[in-house]
Amino acid sequence: MRIAVDLLGGDHAPAVVVDGALRSCGTDPDLHLVLVGDHPAADEVMRRVDDAMRDRIELRYAARAVAMCDAAIAGADPRTSIAVCMAELAAGRVDAVVSAGQTGATVAAAVTTTGRTPGIRRPALAAILPGLPERTYPTVLLDVGAGVQATPSDLVQHATLGVAYARRAAEVVMPRVGLVSVGAEAGKGDPLRRLTDSALRDRPPAGATYVGPVEGNDVVAGTRADVFVTDGFTGNVLLKGIEAAVAVGAGAYPPAAVPRAAALLGVAGTVVVCHGAADGADLASGIALAVQLVRRDVVAGINPEPAGSSDRGRGHGRDTAQLARSAEVGT
């Protein structure tokens, strides 16, 4: 298992990234990490790694990071640490990429370098939520920040991605899909929600049940649906509100840990995005999620087309720039 980790991604990089990487190596003896950063970040690694782990850690050098204030399209710059990570993934030298850097730049780097899943126009970030104690398995919320703009067609595609992810990552056999809106009644919500609701009623994802519009409290309870679909702006706000409530109301949710990271679905490779404010434990959680997704072959389950086929949905030029401009919400 080889995971590329962006040493320069996140508010507190590289220190917390190094901490998370070393935690991961300490708990998983089969894990090999390719850490990508500049020379000061590499020096930080070498100061902290012990001899027992040294043969399981490799370094790759990048000229610079993508700052949180940079345009998202900067992630397509091959000199950046996230672009170098994605190049390792596209070349098959690593099995997955983990970054706590700018979400938009990560999306742009993934689309430009690895390509999109066939049939998917905009990738989506999928988060696993704990659900209340009566739930026996977690729920999936997407999009939580890959892009702030979405069309009804995008949300229908995201519902399909969410169903596949719930099956393979959360082991839900027949997922129920809900569309996050301001009311559960048909006809409620803005034009995006109304048009998407109509489309999902006419064409629900294969192997799933569409339950219709759901409200924010349904996402927290997790009893009406297993997959909750919304646009990236709404999903990001909702996710952070839920996480804050879980932190404040300790004991209200089951103790089983859920990843403090989200999977980028709709690209031709396993990519995990951690919070920009992630600490070492959060980074380790993101790396563990990436390992789980690779071991369960989740991306292959979502994208049955073999790697190296003639059309992998690769995004270039204006299309990639438009995706990057849309991806302005950080997780």
C-alpha atoms as a PDB file:
ATOM      1  CA  MET A   1       0.000   0.000   0.000  1.00  0.00           C
ATOM      2  CA  ARG A   2       1.596   3.247  -1.159  1.00  0.00           C
ATOM      3  CA  ILE A   3      -0.046   6.572  -0.342  1.00  0.00           C
ATOM      4  CA  ALA A   4       1.187   9.984  -1.538  1.00  0.00           C
ATOM      5  CA  VAL A   5       0.709  12.709   1.067  1.00  0.00           C
ATOM      6  CA  ASP A   6       0.881  16.432   0.341  1.00  0.00           C
ATOM      7  CA  LEU A   7       3.315  17.774   2.960  1.00  0.00           C
ATOM      8  CA  LEU A   8       2.522  21.387   2.081  1.00  0.00           C
ATOM      9  CA  GLY A   9      -1.283  21.153   2.236  1.00  0.00           C
ATOM     10  CA  GLY A  10      -3.204  22.600   5.171  1.00  0.00           C
ATOM     11  CA  ASP A  11      -3.224  25.508   7.579  1.00  0.00           C
ATOM     12  CA  HIS A  12      -0.582  23.978   9.834  1.00  0.00           C
ATOM     13  CA  ALA A  13       1.615  22.173   7.306  1.00  0.00           C
ATOM     14  CA  PRO A  14       4.117  20.634   7.314  1.00  0.00           C
ATOM     15  CA  ALA A  15       4.268  19.874  11.051  1.00  0.00           C
ATOM     16  CA  VAL A  16       0.794  18.338  11.442  1.00  0.00           C
ATOM     17  CA  VAL A  17       1.132  16.465   8.142  1.00  0.00           C
ATOM     18  CA  VAL A  18       4.372  14.883   9.306  1.00  0.00           C
ATOM     19  CA  ASP A  19       2.717  14.036  12.629  1.00  0.00           C
ATOM     20  CA  GLY A  20      -0.226  12.368  10.865  1.00  0.00           C
ATOM     21  CA  ALA A  21       2.038  10.477   8.482  1.00  0.00           C
ATOM     22  CA  LEU A  22       4.176   9.087  11.294  1.00  0.00           C
ATOM     23  CA  ARG A  23       1.081   8.117  13.284  1.00  0.00           C
ATOM     24  CA  SER A  24      -0.199   6.192  10.267  1.00  0.00           C
ATOM     25  CA  CYS A  25       3.069   4.354   9.739  1.00  0.00           C
ATOM     26  CA  GLY A  26       3.158   3.492  13.419  1.00  0.00           C
ATOM     27  CA  THR A  27      -0.263   1.838  13.331  1.00  0.00           C
ATOM     28  CA  ASP A  28      -0.144   0.150   9.900  1.00  0.00           C
ATOM     29  CA  PRO A  29       3.043  -1.874   9.264  1.00  0.00           C
ATOM     30  CA  ASP A  30       2.028  -2.515   5.635  1.00  0.00           C
ATOM     31  CA  LEU A  31       1.801   1.181   4.804  1.00  0.00           C
ATOM     32  CA  HIS A  32       4.399   2.959   2.673  1.00  0.00           C
ATOM     33  CA  LEU A  33       4.185   6.734   2.292  1.00  0.00           C
ATOM     34  CA  VAL A  34       5.456   9.018  -0.458  1.00  0.00           C
ATOM     35  CA  LEU A  35       5.679  12.470   1.127  1.00  0.00           C
ATOM     36  CA  VAL A  36       5.727  15.403  -1.292  1.00  0.00           C
ATOM     37  CA  GLY A  37       7.012  18.826  -0.330  1.00  0.00           C
ATOM     38  CA  ASP A  38       9.832  21.325  -0.529  1.00  0.00           C
ATOM     39  CA  HIS A  39      13.243  20.909   1.091  1.00  0.00           C
ATOM     40  CA  PRO A  40      12.288  22.492   4.464  1.00  0.00           C
ATOM     41  CA  ALA A  41       9.318  20.123   4.732  1.00  0.00           C
ATOM     42  CA  ALA A  42      11.513  17.159   3.834  1.00  0.00           C
ATOM     43  CA  ASP A  43      13.994  18.209   6.505  1.00  0.00           C
ATOM     44  CA  GLU A  44      11.110  18.235   9.011  1.00  0.00           C
ATOM     45  CA  VAL A  45      10.357  14.628   8.083  1.00  0.00           C
ATOM     46  CA  MET A  46      13.935  13.463   8.422  1.00  0.00           C
ATOM     47  CA  ARG A  47      14.251  15.072  11.851  1.00  0.00           C
ATOM     48  CA  ARG A  48      11.235  13.198  13.171  1.00  0.00           C
ATOM     49  CA  VAL A  49      11.299   9.784  11.504  1.00  0.00           C
ATOM     50  CA  ASP A  50      12.942   6.938  13.392  1.00  0.00           C
ATOM     51  CA  ASP A  51      15.077   4.205  11.868  1.00  0.00           C
ATOM     52  CA  ALA A  52      12.284   1.606  12.065  1.00  0.00           C
ATOM     53  CA  MET A  53      10.089   3.635   9.707  1.00  0.00           C
ATOM     54  CA  ARG A  54      12.750   5.089   7.447  1.00  0.00           C
ATOM     55  CA  ASP A  55      12.506   2.351   4.818  1.00  0.00           C
ATOM     56  CA  ARG A  56       8.720   2.890   4.530  1.00  0.00           C
ATOM     57  CA  ILE A  57       8.918   6.610   3.790  1.00  0.00           C
ATOM     58  CA  GLU A  58      10.029   8.170   0.521  1.00  0.00           C
ATOM     59  CA  LEU A  59      10.370  11.838  -0.340  1.00  0.00           C
ATOM     60  CA  ARG A  60       9.441  13.670  -3.535  1.00  0.00           C
ATOM     61  CA  TYR A  61      10.271  17.308  -4.033  1.00  0.00           C
ATOM     62  CA  ALA A  62       7.982  20.076  -5.257  1.00  0.00           C
ATOM     63  CA  ALA A  63       8.819  23.729  -5.825  1.00  0.00           C
ATOM     64  CA  ARG A  64       5.887  25.212  -3.957  1.00  0.00           C
ATOM     65  CA  ALA A  65       2.566  24.784  -2.208  1.00  0.00           C
ATOM     66  CA  VAL A  66      -0.836  26.041  -3.273  1.00  0.00           C
ATOM     67  CA  ALA A  67      -1.835  28.770  -0.836  1.00  0.00           C
ATOM     68  CA  MET A  68      -5.428  28.950   0.367  1.00  0.00           C
ATOM     69  CA  CYS A  69      -5.680  32.366  -1.298  1.00  0.00           C
ATOM     70  CA  ASP A  70      -4.466  31.087  -4.690  1.00  0.00           C
ATOM     71  CA  ALA A  71      -6.859  30.485  -7.554  1.00  0.00           C
ATOM     72  CA  ALA A  72      -7.954  26.862  -7.624  1.00  0.00           C
ATOM     73  CA  ILE A  73      -6.461  26.360 -11.089  1.00  0.00           C
ATOM     74  CA  ALA A  74      -3.021  26.644  -9.424  1.00  0.00           C
ATOM     75  CA  GLY A  75      -3.437  22.973  -8.556  1.00  0.00           C
ATOM     76  CA  ALA A  76      -2.858  22.144 -12.214  1.00  0.00           C
ATOM     77  CA  ASP A  77       0.626  23.729 -12.026  1.00  0.00           C
ATOM     78  CA  PRO A  78       3.058  20.762 -12.162  1.00  0.00           C
ATOM     79  CA  ARG A  79       5.449  22.567  -9.799  1.00  0.00           C
ATOM     80  CA  THR A  80       3.014  22.370  -6.870  1.00  0.00           C
ATOM     81  CA  SER A  81       3.060  19.648  -4.245  1.00  0.00           C
ATOM     82  CA  ILE A  82      -0.516  18.540  -4.977  1.00  0.00           C
ATOM     83  CA  ALA A  83       0.229  18.244  -8.713  1.00  0.00           C
ATOM     84  CA  VAL A  84       3.311  16.114  -7.991  1.00  0.00           C
ATOM     85  CA  CYS A  85       1.154  13.860  -5.780  1.00  0.00           C
ATOM     86  CA  MET A  86      -1.388  13.455  -8.578  1.00  0.00           C
ATOM     87  CA  ALA A  87       1.359  12.716 -11.111  1.00  0.00           C
ATOM     88  CA  GLU A  88       2.517   9.854  -8.869  1.00  0.00           C
ATOM     89  CA  LEU A  89      -1.065   8.550  -8.796  1.00  0.00           C
ATOM     90  CA  ALA A  90      -1.595   8.851 -12.553  1.00  0.00           C
ATOM     91  CA  ALA A  91       1.671   7.014 -13.207  1.00  0.00           C
ATOM     92  CA  GLY A  92       0.649   4.140 -10.934  1.00  0.00           C
ATOM     93  CA  ARG A  93       3.502   4.696  -8.490  1.00  0.00           C
ATOM     94  CA  VAL A  94       1.083   5.218  -5.588  1.00  0.00           C
ATOM     95  CA  ASP A  95      -2.372   3.848  -4.814  1.00  0.00           C
ATOM     96  CA  ALA A  96      -3.941   7.031  -3.446  1.00  0.00           C
ATOM     97  CA  VAL A  97      -3.371  10.709  -2.628  1.00  0.00           C
ATOM     98  CA  VAL A  98      -4.163  12.503   0.654  1.00  0.00           C
ATOM     99  CA  SER A  99      -4.085  16.285   1.075  1.00  0.00           C
ATOM    100  CA  ALA A 100      -5.341  18.881   3.549  1.00  0.00           C
ATOM    101  CA  GLY A 101      -4.637  21.646   1.054  1.00  0.00           C
ATOM    102  CA  GLN A 102      -7.004  23.869  -0.849  1.00  0.00           C
ATOM    103  CA  THR A 103      -9.951  21.792  -2.054  1.00  0.00           C
ATOM    104  CA  GLY A 104     -10.333  23.577  -5.379  1.00  0.00           C
ATOM    105  CA  ALA A 105      -6.675  23.044  -6.221  1.00  0.00           C
ATOM    106  CA  THR A 106      -6.942  19.359  -5.326  1.00  0.00           C
ATOM    107  CA  VAL A 107      -9.952  18.961  -7.620  1.00  0.00           C
ATOM    108  CA  ALA A 108      -8.178  20.791 -10.456  1.00  0.00           C
ATOM    109  CA  ALA A 109      -5.036  18.683 -10.028  1.00  0.00           C
ATOM    110  CA  ALA A 110      -7.014  15.432  -9.981  1.00  0.00           C
ATOM    111  CA  VAL A 111      -9.117  16.275 -13.038  1.00  0.00           C
ATOM    112  CA  THR A 112      -6.136  17.531 -15.038  1.00  0.00           C
ATOM    113  CA  THR A 113      -3.810  14.671 -14.134  1.00  0.00           C
ATOM    114  CA  THR A 114      -5.933  11.550 -13.596  1.00  0.00           C
ATOM    115  CA  GLY A 115      -9.090  12.444 -15.530  1.00  0.00           C
ATOM    116  CA  ARG A 116     -12.740  12.097 -14.582  1.00  0.00           C
ATOM    117  CA  THR A 117     -14.899   9.027 -14.193  1.00  0.00           C
ATOM    118  CA  PRO A 118     -16.713   8.429 -17.503  1.00  0.00           C
ATOM    119  CA  GLY A 119     -20.119  10.083 -17.490  1.00  0.00           C
ATOM    120  CA  ILE A 120     -19.318  12.460 -14.598  1.00  0.00           C
ATOM    121  CA  ARG A 121     -19.100  16.167 -15.371  1.00  0.00           C
ATOM    122  CA  ARG A 122     -18.224  17.508 -11.913  1.00  0.00           C
ATOM    123  CA  PRO A 123     -16.513  15.492  -9.168  1.00  0.00           C
ATOM    124  CA  ALA A 124     -18.007  15.510  -5.673  1.00  0.00           C
ATOM    125  CA  LEU A 125     -16.597  15.189  -2.174  1.00  0.00           C
ATOM    126  CA  ALA A 126     -18.346  12.512  -0.121  1.00  0.00           C
ATOM    127  CA  ALA A 127     -18.203  12.565   3.683  1.00  0.00           C
ATOM    128  CA  ILE A 128     -19.199   9.706   5.972  1.00  0.00           C
ATOM    129  CA  LEU A 129     -21.349  10.846   8.924  1.00  0.00           C
ATOM    130  CA  PRO A 130     -21.843   8.928  12.182  1.00  0.00           C
ATOM    131  CA  GLY A 131     -25.646   8.994  12.500  1.00  0.00           C
ATOM    132  CA  LEU A 132     -27.504   8.735  15.819  1.00  0.00           C
ATOM    133  CA  PRO A 133     -27.161   5.629  18.052  1.00  0.00           C
ATOM    134  CA  GLU A 134     -30.092   3.794  16.485  1.00  0.00           C
ATOM    135  CA  ARG A 135     -28.210   3.657  13.192  1.00  0.00           C
ATOM    136  CA  THR A 136     -26.225   0.471  12.649  1.00  0.00           C
ATOM    137  CA  TYR A 137     -24.121   1.971   9.843  1.00  0.00           C
ATOM    138  CA  PRO A 138     -23.037   5.458   8.788  1.00  0.00           C
ATOM    139  CA  THR A 139     -24.555   7.778   6.193  1.00  0.00           C
ATOM    140  CA  VAL A 140     -22.993   9.509   3.187  1.00  0.00           C
ATOM    141  CA  LEU A 141     -23.287  13.236   2.426  1.00  0.00           C
ATOM    142  CA  LEU A 142     -22.176  14.728  -0.887  1.00  0.00           C
ATOM    143  CA  ASP A 143     -21.111  17.159  -2.262  1.00  0.00           C
ATOM    144  CA  VAL A 144     -19.362  18.721   0.750  1.00  0.00           C
ATOM    145  CA  GLY A 145     -17.153  21.158  -1.115  1.00  0.00           C
ATOM    146  CA  ALA A 146     -15.741  20.008  -4.448  1.00  0.00           C
ATOM    147  CA  GLY A 147     -17.686  22.778  -6.211  1.00  0.00           C
ATOM    148  CA  VAL A 148     -20.087  25.563  -5.309  1.00  0.00           C
ATOM    149  CA  GLN A 149     -22.062  25.414  -8.546  1.00  0.00           C
ATOM    150  CA  ALA A 150     -24.228  22.510  -9.640  1.00  0.00           C
ATOM    151  CA  THR A 151     -26.935  21.693 -12.159  1.00  0.00           C
ATOM    152  CA  PRO A 152     -29.737  19.145 -11.766  1.00  0.00           C
ATOM    153  CA  SER A 153     -27.745  16.812 -14.024  1.00  0.00           C
ATOM    154  CA  ASP A 154     -24.724  17.141 -11.701  1.00  0.00           C
ATOM    155  CA  LEU A 155     -26.791  16.241  -8.642  1.00  0.00           C
ATOM    156  CA  VAL A 156     -28.311  13.222 -10.408  1.00  0.00           C
ATOM    157  CA  GLN A 157     -24.773  12.067 -11.244  1.00  0.00           C
ATOM    158  CA  HIS A 158     -23.701  12.701  -7.651  1.00  0.00           C
ATOM    159  CA  ALA A 159     -26.599  10.559  -6.415  1.00  0.00           C
ATOM    160  CA  THR A 160     -25.234   7.690  -8.516  1.00  0.00           C
ATOM    161  CA  LEU A 161     -21.736   8.250  -7.113  1.00  0.00           C
ATOM    162  CA  GLY A 162     -23.113   8.384  -3.574  1.00  0.00           C
ATOM    163  CA  VAL A 163     -24.993   5.112  -3.987  1.00  0.00           C
ATOM    164  CA  ALA A 164     -21.885   3.316  -5.242  1.00  0.00           C
ATOM    165  CA  TYR A 165     -19.819   4.815  -2.425  1.00  0.00           C
ATOM    166  CA  ALA A 166     -22.374   3.827   0.235  1.00  0.00           C
ATOM    167  CA  ARG A 167     -22.349   0.252  -1.015  1.00  0.00           C
ATOM    168  CA  ARG A 168     -18.591  -0.195  -1.097  1.00  0.00           C
ATOM    169  CA  ALA A 169     -17.363   2.131   1.660  1.00  0.00           C
ATOM    170  CA  ALA A 170     -20.270   1.981   4.146  1.00  0.00           C
ATOM    171  CA  GLU A 171     -21.555  -1.499   3.190  1.00  0.00           C
ATOM    172  CA  VAL A 172     -25.159  -0.408   2.625  1.00  0.00           C
ATOM    173  CA  VAL A 173     -26.797  -3.027   0.400  1.00  0.00           C
ATOM    174  CA  MET A 174     -29.810  -1.043  -0.925  1.00  0.00           C
ATOM    175  CA  PRO A 175     -29.142   2.637  -0.241  1.00  0.00           C
ATOM    176  CA  ARG A 176     -31.966   5.133   0.177  1.00  0.00           C
ATOM    177  CA  VAL A 177     -31.246   8.490  -1.457  1.00  0.00           C
ATOM    178  CA  GLY A 178     -32.536  11.826  -0.169  1.00  0.00           C
ATOM    179  CA  LEU A 179     -32.216  15.256  -1.752  1.00  0.00           C
ATOM    180  CA  VAL A 180     -31.395  17.900   0.875  1.00  0.00           C
ATOM    181  CA  SER A 181     -33.934  20.728   0.675  1.00  0.00           C
ATOM    182  CA  VAL A 182     -35.939  23.142   2.850  1.00  0.00           C
ATOM    183  CA  GLY A 183     -38.910  20.815   3.105  1.00  0.00           C
ATOM    184  CA  ALA A 184     -39.843  17.201   2.555  1.00  0.00           C
ATOM    185  CA  GLU A 185     -42.871  17.983   0.403  1.00  0.00           C
ATOM    186  CA  ALA A 186     -42.675  17.781  -3.389  1.00  0.00           C
ATOM    187  CA  GLY A 187     -42.312  21.215  -4.949  1.00  0.00           C
ATOM    188  CA  LYS A 188     -40.399  22.720  -2.024  1.00  0.00           C
ATOM    189  CA  GLY A 189     -37.026  24.384  -2.522  1.00  0.00           C
ATOM    190  CA  ASP A 190     -35.307  26.456  -5.167  1.00  0.00           C
ATOM    191  CA  PRO A 191     -35.329  25.653  -8.910  1.00  0.00           C
ATOM    192  CA  LEU A 192     -32.208  23.472  -8.573  1.00  0.00           C
ATOM    193  CA  ARG A 193     -33.880  21.299  -5.933  1.00  0.00           C
ATOM    194  CA  ARG A 194     -37.249  21.115  -7.732  1.00  0.00           C
ATOM    195  CA  LEU A 195     -35.702  20.114 -11.072  1.00  0.00           C
ATOM    196  CA  THR A 196     -33.387  17.583  -9.429  1.00  0.00           C
ATOM    197  CA  ASP A 197     -36.265  16.058  -7.484  1.00  0.00           C
ATOM    198  CA  SER A 198     -38.235  15.594 -10.693  1.00  0.00           C
ATOM    199  CA  ALA A 199     -35.222  14.042 -12.456  1.00  0.00           C
ATOM    200  CA  LEU A 200     -34.508  11.610  -9.604  1.00  0.00           C
ATOM    201  CA  ARG A 201     -38.159  10.529  -9.475  1.00  0.00           C
ATOM    202  CA  ASP A 202     -38.039   9.792 -13.200  1.00  0.00           C
ATOM    203  CA  ARG A 203     -34.588   8.203 -13.127  1.00  0.00           C
ATOM    204  CA  PRO A 204     -33.504   7.016  -9.661  1.00  0.00           C
ATOM    205  CA  PRO A 205     -29.998   5.535  -9.313  1.00  0.00           C
ATOM    206  CA  ALA A 206     -29.840   1.838 -10.143  1.00  0.00           C
ATOM    207  CA  GLY A 207     -29.986  -0.412  -7.095  1.00  0.00           C
ATOM    208  CA  ALA A 208     -31.258   2.344  -4.822  1.00  0.00           C
ATOM    209  CA  THR A 209     -34.511   3.869  -3.565  1.00  0.00           C
ATOM    210  CA  TYR A 210     -35.151   7.565  -3.976  1.00  0.00           C
ATOM    211  CA  VAL A 211     -37.113   8.824  -0.945  1.00  0.00           C
ATOM    212  CA  GLY A 212     -37.539  12.407  -2.176  1.00  0.00           C
ATOM    213  CA  PRO A 213     -36.574  15.705  -0.544  1.00  0.00           C
ATOM    214  CA  VAL A 214     -35.266  15.597   3.022  1.00  0.00           C
ATOM    215  CA  GLU A 215     -34.399  18.296   5.549  1.00  0.00           C
ATOM    216  CA  GLY A 216     -31.286  19.101   7.540  1.00  0.00           C
ATOM    217  CA  ASN A 217     -32.548  17.296  10.627  1.00  0.00           C
ATOM    218  CA  ASP A 218     -32.921  14.132   8.535  1.00  0.00           C
ATOM    219  CA  VAL A 219     -29.217  14.337   7.684  1.00  0.00           C
ATOM    220  CA  VAL A 220     -28.337  14.510  11.377  1.00  0.00           C
ATOM    221  CA  ALA A 221     -30.687  11.687  12.377  1.00  0.00           C
ATOM    222  CA  GLY A 222     -29.798   9.532   9.376  1.00  0.00           C
ATOM    223  CA  THR A 223     -33.047   7.561   9.604  1.00  0.00           C
ATOM    224  CA  ARG A 224     -34.831   8.541   6.359  1.00  0.00           C
ATOM    225  CA  ALA A 225     -31.951   8.039   3.936  1.00  0.00           C
ATOM    226  CA  ASP A 226     -28.471   6.572   3.638  1.00  0.00           C
ATOM    227  CA  VAL A 227     -27.165   8.934   0.938  1.00  0.00           C
ATOM    228  CA  PHE A 228     -27.848  12.674   1.150  1.00  0.00           C
ATOM    229  CA  VAL A 229     -27.269  14.707  -2.003  1.00  0.00           C
ATOM    230  CA  THR A 230     -26.811  18.470  -2.235  1.00  0.00           C
ATOM    231  CA  ASP A 231     -24.625  21.128  -3.849  1.00  0.00           C
ATOM    232  CA  GLY A 232     -21.101  21.734  -2.563  1.00  0.00           C
ATOM    233  CA  PHE A 233     -21.845  25.069  -0.887  1.00  0.00           C
ATOM    234  CA  THR A 234     -24.804  23.773   1.122  1.00  0.00           C
ATOM    235  CA  GLY A 235     -23.073  20.491   1.863  1.00  0.00           C
ATOM    236  CA  ASN A 236     -19.942  22.147   3.204  1.00  0.00           C
ATOM    237  CA  VAL A 237     -21.900  24.429   5.530  1.00  0.00           C
ATOM    238  CA  LEU A 238     -24.022  21.506   6.715  1.00  0.00           C
ATOM    239  CA  LEU A 239     -21.009  19.249   7.317  1.00  0.00           C
ATOM    240  CA  LYS A 240     -19.182  21.800   9.432  1.00  0.00           C
ATOM    241  CA  GLY A 241     -22.316  22.486  11.449  1.00  0.00           C
ATOM    242  CA  ILE A 242     -22.781  18.771  12.144  1.00  0.00           C
ATOM    243  CA  GLU A 243     -19.133  18.341  13.107  1.00  0.00           C
ATOM    244  CA  ALA A 244     -19.356  21.263  15.522  1.00  0.00           C
ATOM    245  CA  ALA A 245     -22.510  19.839  17.073  1.00  0.00           C
ATOM    246  CA  VAL A 246     -20.837  16.451  17.504  1.00  0.00           C
ATOM    247  CA  ALA A 247     -17.853  18.110  19.181  1.00  0.00           C
ATOM    248  CA  VAL A 248     -20.011  20.206  21.520  1.00  0.00           C
ATOM    249  CA  GLY A 249     -22.495  17.451  22.325  1.00  0.00           C
ATOM    250  CA  ALA A 250     -19.989  14.762  23.249  1.00  0.00           C
ATOM    251  CA  GLY A 251     -21.831  11.561  24.086  1.00  0.00           C
ATOM    252  CA  ALA A 252     -24.824  12.266  21.847  1.00  0.00           C
ATOM    253  CA  TYR A 253     -23.268  10.281  19.028  1.00  0.00           C
ATOM    254  CA  PRO A 254     -21.839   6.757  19.117  1.00  0.00           C
ATOM    255  CA  PRO A 255     -18.144   6.523  19.980  1.00  0.00           C
ATOM    256  CA  ALA A 256     -17.207   4.730  16.754  1.00  0.00           C
ATOM    257  CA  ALA A 257     -14.877   7.022  14.845  1.00  0.00           C
ATOM    258  CA  VAL A 258     -15.719   8.261  11.376  1.00  0.00           C
ATOM    259  CA  PRO A 259     -13.084   9.748   9.064  1.00  0.00           C
ATOM    260  CA  ARG A 260     -12.256  13.427   9.458  1.00  0.00           C
ATOM    261  CA  ALA A 261     -11.833  13.527   5.706  1.00  0.00           C
ATOM    262  CA  ALA A 262     -13.814  13.148   2.495  1.00  0.00           C
ATOM    263  CA  ALA A 263     -13.332  11.053  -0.634  1.00  0.00           C
ATOM    264  CA  LEU A 264     -13.216  12.818  -3.993  1.00  0.00           C
ATOM    265  CA  LEU A 265     -15.576  10.838  -6.223  1.00  0.00           C
ATOM    266  CA  GLY A 266     -15.803  11.163  -9.973  1.00  0.00           C
ATOM    267  CA  VAL A 267     -12.074  11.120 -10.730  1.00  0.00           C
ATOM    268  CA  ALA A 268     -10.030   8.197 -12.017  1.00  0.00           C
ATOM    269  CA  GLY A 269      -8.075   7.535  -8.836  1.00  0.00           C
ATOM    270  CA  THR A 270      -8.382   7.398  -5.050  1.00  0.00           C
ATOM    271  CA  VAL A 271      -8.112  10.916  -3.609  1.00  0.00           C
ATOM    272  CA  VAL A 272      -8.891  11.920  -0.006  1.00  0.00           C
ATOM    273  CA  VAL A 273      -9.254  15.525   1.156  1.00  0.00           C
ATOM    274  CA  CYS A 274      -8.786  16.481   4.820  1.00  0.00           C
ATOM    275  CA  HIS A 275      -9.848  19.707   6.498  1.00  0.00           C
ATOM    276  CA  GLY A 276      -7.536  22.656   6.010  1.00  0.00           C
ATOM    277  CA  ALA A 277      -7.433  23.033   9.800  1.00  0.00           C
ATOM    278  CA  ALA A 278      -6.661  19.337  10.280  1.00  0.00           C
ATOM    279  CA  ASP A 279      -4.369  18.218  13.086  1.00  0.00           C
ATOM    280  CA  GLY A 280      -2.153  15.149  13.127  1.00  0.00           C
ATOM    281  CA  ALA A 281      -4.964  12.823  14.195  1.00  0.00           C
ATOM    282  CA  ASP A 282      -7.164  14.139  11.369  1.00  0.00           C
ATOM    283  CA  LEU A 283      -4.408  13.537   8.813  1.00  0.00           C
ATOM    284  CA  ALA A 284      -3.933  10.016  10.124  1.00  0.00           C
ATOM    285  CA  SER A 285      -7.694   9.495   9.795  1.00  0.00           C
ATOM    286  CA  GLY A 286      -7.547  10.665   6.175  1.00  0.00           C
ATOM    287  CA  ILE A 287      -4.671   8.315   5.393  1.00  0.00           C
ATOM    288  CA  ALA A 288      -6.574   5.445   7.027  1.00  0.00           C
ATOM    289  CA  LEU A 289      -9.614   6.276   4.872  1.00  0.00           C
ATOM    290  CA  ALA A 290      -7.455   6.212   1.733  1.00  0.00           C
ATOM    291  CA  VAL A 291      -6.082   2.799   2.735  1.00  0.00           C
ATOM    292  CA  GLN A 292      -9.609   1.480   3.308  1.00  0.00           C
ATOM    293  CA  LEU A 293     -10.819   2.763  -0.065  1.00  0.00           C
ATOM    294  CA  VAL A 294      -7.903   1.138  -1.881  1.00  0.00           C
ATOM    295  CA  ARG A 295      -8.268  -2.172  -0.063  1.00  0.00           C
ATOM    296  CA  ARG A 296     -11.978  -2.296  -0.863  1.00  0.00           C
ATOM    297  CA  ASP A 297     -11.323  -1.221  -4.455  1.00  0.00           C
ATOM    298  CA  VAL A 298     -13.943   1.494  -4.090  1.00  0.00           C
ATOM    299  CA  VAL A 299     -12.901   3.581  -7.103  1.00  0.00           C
ATOM    300  CA  ALA A 300     -13.003   0.545  -9.386  1.00  0.00           C
ATOM    301  CA  GLY A 301     -16.499  -0.186  -8.104  1.00  0.00           C
ATOM    302  CA  ILE A 302     -17.622   3.318  -8.988  1.00  0.00           C
ATOM    303  CA  ASN A 303     -15.745   3.315 -12.294  1.00  0.00           C
ATOM    304  CA  PRO A 304     -15.861  -0.139 -13.920  1.00  0.00           C
ATOM    305  CA  GLU A 305     -13.946   1.070 -16.965  1.00  0.00           C
ATOM    306  CA  PRO A 306     -10.354  -0.269 -16.877  1.00  0.00           C
ATOM    307  CA  ALA A 307      -7.479   2.153 -16.445  1.00  0.00           C
ATOM    308  CA  GLY A 308      -5.732   3.203 -19.638  1.00  0.00           C
ATOM    309  CA  SER A 309      -8.845   3.061 -21.817  1.00  0.00           C
ATOM    310  CA  SER A 310      -9.122   5.471 -24.710  1.00  0.00           C
ATOM    311  CA  ASP A 311     -11.520   7.911 -23.039  1.00  0.00           C
ATOM    312  CA  ARG A 312     -11.182   8.448 -19.313  1.00  0.00           C
ATOM    313  CA  GLY A 313     -13.001  11.771 -19.222  1.00  0.00           C
ATOM    314  CA  ARG A 314      -9.777  13.717 -18.966  1.00  0.00           C
ATOM    315  CA  GLY A 315     -10.376  17.412 -18.411  1.00  0.00           C
ATOM    316  CA  HIS A 316      -8.220  20.083 -20.028  1.00  0.00           C
ATOM    317  CA  GLY A 317      -8.226  23.730 -20.973  1.00  0.00           C
ATOM    318  CA  ARG A 318     -11.318  25.795 -20.430  1.00  0.00           C
ATOM    319  CA  ASP A 319     -13.320  22.894 -18.959  1.00  0.00           C
ATOM    320  CA  THR A 320     -10.773  22.301 -16.191  1.00  0.00           C
ATOM    321  CA  ALA A 321     -10.567  26.031 -15.522  1.00  0.00           C
ATOM    322  CA  GLN A 322     -14.345  26.208 -15.130  1.00  0.00           C
ATOM    323  CA  LEU A 323     -14.280  23.300 -12.685  1.00  0.00           C
ATOM    324  CA  ALA A 324     -11.529  25.003 -10.711  1.00  0.00           C
ATOM    325  CA  ARG A 325     -13.458  28.281 -10.527  1.00  0.00           C
ATOM    326  CA  SER A 326     -16.451  26.350  -9.227  1.00  0.00           C
ATOM    327  CA  ALA A 327     -14.402  24.607  -6.523  1.00  0.00           C
ATOM    328  CA  GLU A 328     -13.989  27.488  -4.105  1.00  0.00           C
ATOM    329  CA  VAL A 329     -15.248  25.908  -0.887  1.00  0.00           C
ATOM    330  CA  GLY A 330     -12.641  24.422   1.456  1.00  0.00           C
ATOM    331  CA  THR A 331     -13.358  21.402   3.622  1.00  0.00           C
END
